[in-house]
Amino acid sequence: MGHSDIGVTMNVYTHLGLDDAAEEMDRLNKVEKIREELEPKEEVTQKIFRGV
């Protein structure tokens, strides 16, 4: 990561545990579910018929 001391890198990037990761995955799953609910289910097209 560019730190001059491996201890700095380890202290900065390894403080999260499995519980933190599980909570984040739950949040991401909720966001994905909401995104899917907001997306249109099928494409809406408009067809215009002209009578001759």
C-alpha atoms as a PDB file:
ATOM      1  CA  MET A   1       0.000   0.000   0.000  1.00  0.00           C
ATOM      2  CA  GLY A   2       3.024   2.259  -0.043  1.00  0.00           C
ATOM      3  CA  HIS A   3       3.514   2.579   3.721  1.00  0.00           C
ATOM      4  CA  SER A   4       7.102   2.689   4.914  1.00  0.00           C
ATOM      5  CA  ASP A   5       6.358   0.271   7.768  1.00  0.00           C
ATOM      6  CA  ILE A   6       4.303  -2.939   7.493  1.00  0.00           C
ATOM      7  CA  GLY A   7       2.920  -2.204  10.967  1.00  0.00           C
ATOM      8  CA  VAL A   8       1.132   0.880   9.654  1.00  0.00           C
ATOM      9  CA  THR A   9      -0.461  -1.115   6.855  1.00  0.00           C
ATOM     10  CA  MET A  10      -1.533  -3.877   9.227  1.00  0.00           C
ATOM     11  CA  ASN A  11      -3.029  -1.429  11.723  1.00  0.00           C
ATOM     12  CA  VAL A  12      -4.946   0.477   9.073  1.00  0.00           C
ATOM     13  CA  TYR A  13      -6.303  -2.384   6.964  1.00  0.00           C
ATOM     14  CA  THR A  14      -6.765  -5.334   9.318  1.00  0.00           C
ATOM     15  CA  HIS A  15      -8.928  -3.911  12.088  1.00  0.00           C
ATOM     16  CA  LEU A  16     -12.166  -5.279  10.634  1.00  0.00           C
ATOM     17  CA  GLY A  17     -13.406  -8.668  11.715  1.00  0.00           C
ATOM     18  CA  LEU A  18     -15.765 -11.275  10.314  1.00  0.00           C
ATOM     19  CA  ASP A  19     -18.736  -9.680  12.056  1.00  0.00           C
ATOM     20  CA  ASP A  20     -17.995  -6.383  10.308  1.00  0.00           C
ATOM     21  CA  ALA A  21     -17.742  -8.148   6.959  1.00  0.00           C
ATOM     22  CA  ALA A  22     -21.021  -9.997   7.550  1.00  0.00           C
ATOM     23  CA  GLU A  23     -22.793  -6.737   8.416  1.00  0.00           C
ATOM     24  CA  GLU A  24     -21.467  -5.110   5.268  1.00  0.00           C
ATOM     25  CA  MET A  25     -22.633  -8.037   3.138  1.00  0.00           C
ATOM     26  CA  ASP A  26     -26.104  -7.699   4.673  1.00  0.00           C
ATOM     27  CA  ARG A  27     -26.133  -3.998   3.767  1.00  0.00           C
ATOM     28  CA  LEU A  28     -25.026  -4.755   0.207  1.00  0.00           C
ATOM     29  CA  ASN A  29     -27.733  -7.405  -0.155  1.00  0.00           C
ATOM     30  CA  LYS A  30     -30.370  -4.909   1.008  1.00  0.00           C
ATOM     31  CA  VAL A  31     -29.126  -2.314  -1.480  1.00  0.00           C
ATOM     32  CA  GLU A  32     -29.221  -4.883  -4.294  1.00  0.00           C
ATOM     33  CA  LYS A  33     -32.769  -5.914  -3.377  1.00  0.00           C
ATOM     34  CA  ILE A  34     -33.949  -2.293  -3.382  1.00  0.00           C
ATOM     35  CA  ARG A  35     -32.205  -1.660  -6.717  1.00  0.00           C
ATOM     36  CA  GLU A  36     -33.941  -4.671  -8.262  1.00  0.00           C
ATOM     37  CA  GLU A  37     -37.321  -3.459  -6.957  1.00  0.00           C
ATOM     38  CA  LEU A  38     -36.784  -0.037  -8.528  1.00  0.00           C
ATOM     39  CA  GLU A  39     -35.727  -1.307 -11.964  1.00  0.00           C
ATOM     40  CA  PRO A  40     -38.455  -1.687 -14.562  1.00  0.00           C
ATOM     41  CA  LYS A  41     -39.456  -5.327 -14.932  1.00  0.00           C
ATOM     42  CA  GLU A  42     -39.913  -5.176 -18.681  1.00  0.00           C
ATOM     43  CA  GLU A  43     -39.215  -2.687 -21.378  1.00  0.00           C
ATOM     44  CA  VAL A  44     -42.152  -0.440 -22.150  1.00  0.00           C
ATOM     45  CA  THR A  45     -42.562   0.385 -25.809  1.00  0.00           C
ATOM     46  CA  GLN A  46     -45.094   2.501 -27.563  1.00  0.00           C
ATOM     47  CA  LYS A  47     -46.440   1.356 -30.888  1.00  0.00           C
ATOM     48  CA  ILE A  48     -48.323   3.756 -33.078  1.00  0.00           C
ATOM     49  CA  PHE A  49     -50.692   2.371 -35.679  1.00  0.00           C
ATOM     50  CA  ARG A  50     -51.773   4.526 -38.546  1.00  0.00           C
ATOM     51  CA  GLY A  51     -55.036   3.806 -40.251  1.00  0.00           C
ATOM     52  CA  VAL A  52     -55.068   4.283 -43.986  1.00  0.00           C
END
